[in-house]
Amino acid sequence: MEFRKLTADAFNECMALSEYAFQFVMKEEQREKRQKQFAKHDVWGVYDDGTLGAKLHIIPFQTYIHGRSFDMGGIAGVATWPEYRRKGWVAGLLKHTLEEMNRNKQSISFLHPFAFAFYRKYGWETYIEYKKYKVPASHLPAKKPTSGTLRRGNPDLDVLKSVYNAYAERYNGMLIRDDAWWKDSVLTEGTSQKAVYYDETGQAQGYILYEVKERKFAIDEIIHLNEEARQALWTFIANHDSMIEEVTLQAPASDTLAFQLDNPRIQQEIVPYFMARIVSVEQFISQYPFASQDSPYRLLFRLRMLMHLGTKVCGN
């Protein structure tokens, strides 16, 4: 078993494995986009007699934890050809990539698992979940006037970024999005209508990315910085009541939409989403924004090795 960092020359064999493992076929324009993304990832493979048998991607991200930016390694594209499975190659890749993330000062790692139990063996644990709503049009929040202005169209990216950044730093686990992520993963061509709410002073305080199709109002993302913006955006949604039968959206698990409804009997589902693990305890603790540096209390951490893949906090 030989570990190699994959270069641009290995793109085709890497994508062939992804297409097989995840059962999809890329169109040519998708392939060009993936090739650009590939160049930004740290991609590691396991080779056997010169043949790629398994691989995974480390995607460099930053995430908010208590309002502070942490470098994060996102694990993605984990795949093995069936003839090489159950040889411990993925376990070896995970150990190797944890060492790489530690060298790259990525003190925390996220991944979206195909099976939570599988990655739990290697130190990742459920970290983020979200609330999934399906709201009949007859149950939408009451329409309320606000003093600002809502504008549909295509706002400047800087407008969306300013609202998103102010919102995201309030929640642990939110990504810090660069322009490429906005373009490639959020504002993909032809996927969403857009509307922004501006307060009386002309400051953007909220936005919504959405689609209206087949009498359904599907919210891709709704962000509001205050109660006024929340009311304005939901009034905008409710003004589609003659066109739609239901609204669907995802929200933080702590969201309280049901309390804003006259009839809260709507479909709500809590969905486990991402897993996370600390890569370097020492580095993570040194960055963590404790409430008080002058507290008379002291924390004692007891660490143990977990599956020979790194360290995990076990005590307090």
Protein backbone atom coordinates (compact mmCIF):
# COMPACT_ATOMS: atom_id res chain seq x y z
CA MET A 1 0.00 0.00 0.00
CA GLU A 2 1.50 3.29 -1.15
CA PHE A 3 0.16 6.77 -0.36
CA ARG A 4 0.52 9.43 -3.05
CA LYS A 5 -0.59 13.03 -3.29
CA LEU A 6 -2.45 13.20 -6.58
CA THR A 7 -1.48 15.81 -9.14
CA ALA A 8 -3.30 17.14 -12.19
CA ASP A 9 -2.05 14.14 -14.19
CA ALA A 10 -4.18 11.84 -12.00
CA PHE A 11 -7.41 13.79 -12.49
CA ASN A 12 -8.99 11.39 -14.99
CA GLU A 13 -8.34 8.22 -13.00
CA CYS A 14 -9.53 9.99 -9.84
CA MET A 15 -12.77 11.09 -11.49
CA ALA A 16 -13.32 7.63 -12.98
CA LEU A 17 -13.27 6.24 -9.45
CA SER A 18 -15.69 8.94 -8.23
CA GLU A 19 -18.11 8.31 -11.10
CA TYR A 20 -18.09 4.57 -10.39
CA ALA A 21 -18.37 4.83 -6.60
CA PHE A 22 -21.02 7.59 -6.53
CA GLN A 23 -22.85 6.38 -9.66
CA PHE A 24 -22.92 9.47 -11.83
CA VAL A 25 -21.55 10.60 -15.18
CA MET A 26 -20.09 14.08 -15.55
CA LYS A 27 -20.92 16.27 -18.51
CA GLU A 28 -18.04 18.04 -20.21
CA GLU A 29 -18.78 21.42 -18.60
CA GLN A 30 -18.96 19.71 -15.20
CA ARG A 31 -15.62 18.04 -15.84
CA GLU A 32 -13.97 21.40 -16.52
CA LYS A 33 -15.40 22.79 -13.29
CA ARG A 34 -14.27 19.74 -11.31
CA GLN A 35 -10.79 20.02 -12.76
CA LYS A 36 -10.46 23.58 -11.45
CA GLN A 37 -11.69 22.48 -8.03
CA PHE A 38 -9.36 19.47 -8.06
CA ALA A 39 -6.38 21.80 -8.31
CA LYS A 40 -7.43 23.50 -5.04
CA HIS A 41 -7.86 20.25 -3.08
CA ASP A 42 -5.29 18.07 -1.37
CA VAL A 43 -6.15 14.70 -2.93
CA TRP A 44 -4.53 11.56 -1.57
CA GLY A 45 -4.65 8.10 -3.09
CA VAL A 46 -3.62 4.58 -2.24
CA TYR A 47 -1.82 2.71 -5.02
CA ASP A 48 -1.25 -0.97 -5.53
CA ASP A 49 1.24 -1.92 -8.26
CA GLY A 50 0.78 1.49 -9.87
CA THR A 51 -3.04 1.34 -9.84
CA LEU A 52 -5.19 3.81 -7.88
CA GLY A 53 -7.32 1.76 -5.50
CA ALA A 54 -8.76 4.36 -3.10
CA LYS A 55 -8.69 8.13 -2.63
CA LEU A 56 -10.05 11.06 -0.68
CA HIS A 57 -10.00 14.86 -0.87
CA ILE A 58 -9.05 17.37 1.83
CA ILE A 59 -10.79 20.66 0.99
CA PRO A 60 -9.37 23.72 2.78
CA PHE A 61 -12.14 25.64 4.53
CA GLN A 62 -12.61 28.05 7.39
CA THR A 63 -15.48 27.76 9.85
CA TYR A 64 -16.91 29.84 12.67
CA ILE A 65 -16.73 28.59 16.25
CA HIS A 66 -18.10 31.09 18.78
CA GLY A 67 -17.53 33.88 16.29
CA ARG A 68 -13.89 33.04 15.66
CA SER A 69 -12.44 31.66 12.42
CA PHE A 70 -10.87 28.19 12.55
CA ASP A 71 -9.02 26.50 9.68
CA MET A 72 -10.93 23.34 8.83
CA GLY A 73 -10.15 20.35 6.64
CA GLY A 74 -13.24 19.10 4.83
CA ILE A 75 -13.06 15.39 3.98
CA ALA A 76 -14.86 14.56 0.73
CA GLY A 77 -14.85 12.18 -2.21
CA VAL A 78 -13.83 9.11 -0.18
CA ALA A 79 -13.99 6.20 -2.62
CA THR A 80 -12.53 2.72 -3.19
CA TRP A 81 -12.77 0.38 -6.15
CA PRO A 82 -14.76 -2.71 -5.02
CA GLU A 83 -11.86 -5.10 -5.58
CA TYR A 84 -9.77 -3.15 -3.07
CA ARG A 85 -12.38 -2.80 -0.32
CA ARG A 86 -12.08 -4.20 3.20
CA LYS A 87 -8.30 -4.05 3.12
CA GLY A 88 -8.07 -1.17 5.62
CA TRP A 89 -7.09 1.32 2.93
CA VAL A 90 -9.63 3.99 3.88
CA ALA A 91 -8.58 3.71 7.53
CA GLY A 92 -5.01 4.23 6.40
CA LEU A 93 -6.01 7.22 4.28
CA LEU A 94 -7.88 8.80 7.20
CA LYS A 95 -4.87 8.40 9.48
CA HIS A 96 -2.62 9.89 6.82
CA THR A 97 -4.92 12.84 6.13
CA LEU A 98 -5.23 13.63 9.83
CA GLU A 99 -1.46 13.93 9.92
CA GLU A 100 -1.60 16.16 6.83
CA MET A 101 -4.30 18.41 8.32
CA ASN A 102 -2.27 18.70 11.50
CA ARG A 103 0.76 19.81 9.46
CA ASN A 104 -1.47 22.31 7.64
CA LYS A 105 -2.70 23.78 10.97
CA GLN A 106 -6.29 22.66 10.31
CA SER A 107 -7.29 22.04 13.91
CA ILE A 108 -10.75 20.67 13.10
CA SER A 109 -12.21 18.48 10.37
CA PHE A 110 -15.74 18.12 8.99
CA LEU A 111 -17.28 15.52 6.70
CA HIS A 112 -20.70 14.56 5.37
CA PRO A 113 -20.91 10.81 6.06
CA PHE A 114 -22.49 8.06 4.00
CA ALA A 115 -22.81 6.23 7.34
CA PHE A 116 -22.34 7.89 10.73
CA ALA A 117 -21.24 4.64 12.40
CA PHE A 118 -18.40 4.17 9.93
CA TYR A 119 -16.68 7.50 10.62
CA ARG A 120 -17.48 7.38 14.33
CA LYS A 121 -14.92 4.56 14.57
CA TYR A 122 -12.26 7.04 13.47
CA GLY A 123 -13.07 9.87 15.84
CA TRP A 124 -15.64 11.94 13.93
CA GLU A 125 -18.92 12.57 15.73
CA THR A 126 -22.27 14.17 14.89
CA TYR A 127 -21.83 17.92 15.06
CA ILE A 128 -24.38 19.73 12.91
CA GLU A 129 -28.05 19.02 12.33
CA TYR A 130 -30.72 21.12 10.71
CA LYS A 131 -34.48 21.50 10.80
CA LYS A 132 -36.39 20.69 7.62
CA TYR A 133 -39.81 22.31 7.16
CA LYS A 134 -42.76 21.77 4.88
CA VAL A 135 -45.32 24.56 5.42
CA PRO A 136 -48.76 24.59 3.73
CA ALA A 137 -49.55 27.97 2.18
CA SER A 138 -52.56 28.25 4.47
CA HIS A 139 -50.24 28.10 7.51
CA LEU A 140 -47.75 30.81 6.50
CA PRO A 141 -46.95 33.61 8.96
CA ALA A 142 -49.26 36.62 8.89
CA LYS A 143 -48.25 39.42 6.51
CA LYS A 144 -46.77 42.40 8.37
CA PRO A 145 -45.77 45.83 7.05
CA THR A 146 -42.17 46.92 7.51
CA SER A 147 -40.46 50.25 7.00
CA GLY A 148 -37.76 49.06 4.59
CA THR A 149 -37.75 47.87 0.98
CA LEU A 150 -37.55 44.42 -0.55
CA ARG A 151 -35.94 44.19 -3.98
CA ARG A 152 -35.96 41.20 -6.30
CA GLY A 153 -33.27 40.72 -8.94
CA ASN A 154 -29.55 40.05 -8.99
CA PRO A 155 -27.85 41.94 -6.17
CA ASP A 156 -24.11 42.50 -6.03
CA LEU A 157 -22.29 39.62 -4.42
CA ASP A 158 -20.87 42.00 -1.82
CA VAL A 159 -24.41 42.68 -0.58
CA LEU A 160 -25.13 38.98 -0.02
CA LYS A 161 -21.71 38.44 1.53
CA SER A 162 -22.16 41.24 4.06
CA VAL A 163 -25.46 39.79 5.27
CA TYR A 164 -24.24 36.19 5.27
CA ASN A 165 -21.03 36.96 7.17
CA ALA A 166 -22.87 38.89 9.88
CA TYR A 167 -25.30 35.97 10.23
CA ALA A 168 -22.82 33.08 9.93
CA GLU A 169 -20.55 34.21 12.75
CA ARG A 170 -23.47 33.74 15.16
CA TYR A 171 -23.58 29.98 14.53
CA ASN A 172 -20.98 27.31 15.22
CA GLY A 173 -20.08 25.29 12.16
CA MET A 174 -21.00 27.84 9.50
CA LEU A 175 -18.59 28.05 6.59
CA ILE A 176 -16.66 31.20 5.79
CA ARG A 177 -17.41 31.44 2.07
CA ASP A 178 -14.89 32.75 -0.43
CA ASP A 179 -15.99 34.09 -3.82
CA ALA A 180 -15.33 30.77 -5.54
CA TRP A 181 -17.63 28.96 -3.09
CA TRP A 182 -20.37 31.51 -3.67
CA LYS A 183 -20.07 31.05 -7.42
CA ASP A 184 -19.64 27.28 -7.58
CA SER A 185 -21.82 26.11 -4.69
CA VAL A 186 -24.35 28.82 -3.80
CA LEU A 187 -25.16 31.05 -6.77
CA THR A 188 -24.96 28.35 -9.40
CA GLU A 189 -26.33 29.46 -12.74
CA GLY A 190 -30.10 29.30 -13.12
CA THR A 191 -30.87 27.74 -9.73
CA SER A 192 -32.41 30.54 -7.69
CA GLN A 193 -34.41 33.72 -7.70
CA LYS A 194 -33.01 36.33 -5.33
CA ALA A 195 -34.48 39.05 -3.14
CA VAL A 196 -32.84 41.35 -0.59
CA TYR A 197 -34.45 43.33 2.23
CA TYR A 198 -33.02 46.80 2.93
CA ASP A 199 -33.91 48.80 6.04
CA GLU A 200 -34.87 52.50 6.08
CA THR A 201 -31.22 53.54 5.93
CA GLY A 202 -30.57 51.40 2.85
CA GLN A 203 -28.59 48.72 4.69
CA ALA A 204 -29.17 45.12 3.61
CA GLN A 205 -30.57 43.16 6.55
CA GLY A 206 -31.68 39.92 4.92
CA TYR A 207 -31.99 37.96 1.72
CA ILE A 208 -33.68 34.91 0.24
CA LEU A 209 -32.63 32.52 -2.55
CA TYR A 210 -35.61 30.57 -3.82
CA GLU A 211 -37.49 28.88 -6.66
CA VAL A 212 -41.19 28.92 -7.47
CA LYS A 213 -42.16 25.90 -9.52
CA GLU A 214 -45.15 23.55 -9.79
CA ARG A 215 -46.98 25.50 -7.06
CA LYS A 216 -44.12 25.02 -4.59
CA PHE A 217 -41.98 27.75 -3.06
CA ALA A 218 -38.61 26.10 -2.41
CA ILE A 219 -36.25 28.19 -0.26
CA ASP A 220 -32.60 27.45 -0.94
CA GLU A 221 -31.39 29.91 1.67
CA ILE A 222 -33.07 32.52 3.86
CA ILE A 223 -30.91 34.82 6.00
CA HIS A 224 -32.14 37.63 8.26
CA LEU A 225 -30.21 39.69 10.77
CA ASN A 226 -33.13 40.99 12.82
CA GLU A 227 -36.86 40.57 13.42
CA GLU A 228 -37.81 43.28 10.94
CA ALA A 229 -35.96 41.51 8.13
CA ARG A 230 -37.50 38.17 9.13
CA GLN A 231 -41.01 39.62 8.96
CA ALA A 232 -40.33 41.30 5.62
CA LEU A 233 -38.99 38.13 4.01
CA TRP A 234 -41.86 35.97 5.27
CA THR A 235 -44.38 38.59 4.12
CA PHE A 236 -42.74 38.41 0.68
CA ILE A 237 -43.12 34.61 0.75
CA ALA A 238 -46.75 34.85 1.89
CA ASN A 239 -47.52 37.25 -0.98
CA HIS A 240 -47.11 34.24 -3.28
CA ASP A 241 -50.10 32.54 -1.64
CA SER A 242 -52.20 32.58 -4.83
CA MET A 243 -49.36 30.85 -6.73
CA ILE A 244 -48.26 28.15 -4.30
CA GLU A 245 -49.53 25.33 -2.14
CA GLU A 246 -46.54 24.83 0.15
CA VAL A 247 -43.16 26.22 1.19
CA THR A 248 -40.11 24.07 1.87
CA LEU A 249 -36.91 25.15 3.59
CA GLN A 250 -34.04 24.17 5.85
CA ALA A 251 -33.10 26.14 8.95
CA PRO A 252 -30.81 25.84 12.00
CA ALA A 253 -31.96 23.18 14.44
CA SER A 254 -32.67 25.96 16.95
CA ASP A 255 -35.06 27.75 14.58
CA THR A 256 -38.43 28.76 16.04
CA LEU A 257 -40.61 29.20 12.96
CA ALA A 258 -43.45 27.18 14.51
CA PHE A 259 -43.81 29.80 17.25
CA GLN A 260 -44.42 32.47 14.59
CA LEU A 261 -47.42 30.62 13.13
CA ASP A 262 -51.06 30.85 14.14
CA ASN A 263 -51.30 27.13 13.38
CA PRO A 264 -47.94 25.47 14.16
CA ARG A 265 -49.06 22.02 12.98
CA ILE A 266 -46.57 21.81 10.15
CA GLN A 267 -44.15 19.10 9.10
CA GLN A 268 -40.82 19.45 10.93
CA GLU A 269 -37.88 17.07 10.78
CA ILE A 270 -34.50 17.21 12.53
CA VAL A 271 -31.86 15.92 10.11
CA PRO A 272 -28.34 14.90 11.24
CA TYR A 273 -25.98 16.50 8.76
CA PHE A 274 -22.23 16.90 9.32
CA MET A 275 -19.74 15.13 11.55
CA ALA A 276 -16.65 16.75 13.04
CA ARG A 277 -13.55 15.88 15.01
CA ILE A 278 -10.68 17.77 16.52
CA VAL A 279 -7.46 17.19 14.61
CA SER A 280 -5.04 18.81 17.05
CA VAL A 281 -6.25 19.26 20.63
CA GLU A 282 -3.39 21.58 21.53
CA GLN A 283 -3.97 23.85 18.55
CA PHE A 284 -7.76 23.81 18.94
CA ILE A 285 -7.61 24.73 22.63
CA SER A 286 -5.13 27.52 21.93
CA GLN A 287 -7.62 29.08 19.47
CA TYR A 288 -10.82 28.44 21.41
CA PRO A 289 -12.40 31.69 22.72
CA PHE A 290 -13.01 30.83 26.35
CA ALA A 291 -15.47 33.11 28.13
CA SER A 292 -12.86 34.42 30.55
CA GLN A 293 -9.10 34.21 30.60
CA ASP A 294 -9.05 35.42 34.21
CA SER A 295 -11.40 32.82 35.69
CA PRO A 296 -10.23 31.23 38.97
CA TYR A 297 -11.33 27.86 37.57
CA ARG A 298 -8.96 25.62 35.65
CA LEU A 299 -9.84 22.89 33.17
CA LEU A 300 -7.99 19.57 33.15
CA PHE A 301 -8.08 17.57 29.92
CA ARG A 302 -7.28 13.89 29.83
CA LEU A 303 -6.42 12.57 26.38
CA ARG A 304 -6.25 9.09 24.96
CA MET A 305 -5.38 7.62 21.60
CA LEU A 306 -8.36 6.61 19.48
CA MET A 307 -7.89 3.85 16.89
CA HIS A 308 -4.30 5.08 16.43
CA LEU A 309 -5.71 7.97 14.39
CA GLY A 310 -5.09 10.87 16.72
CA THR A 311 -6.22 12.22 20.05
CA LYS A 312 -9.61 12.84 21.51
CA VAL A 313 -10.79 14.80 24.53
CA CYS A 314 -12.06 12.32 27.11
CA GLY A 315 -12.30 14.26 30.35
CA ASN A 316 -12.74 17.76 31.70
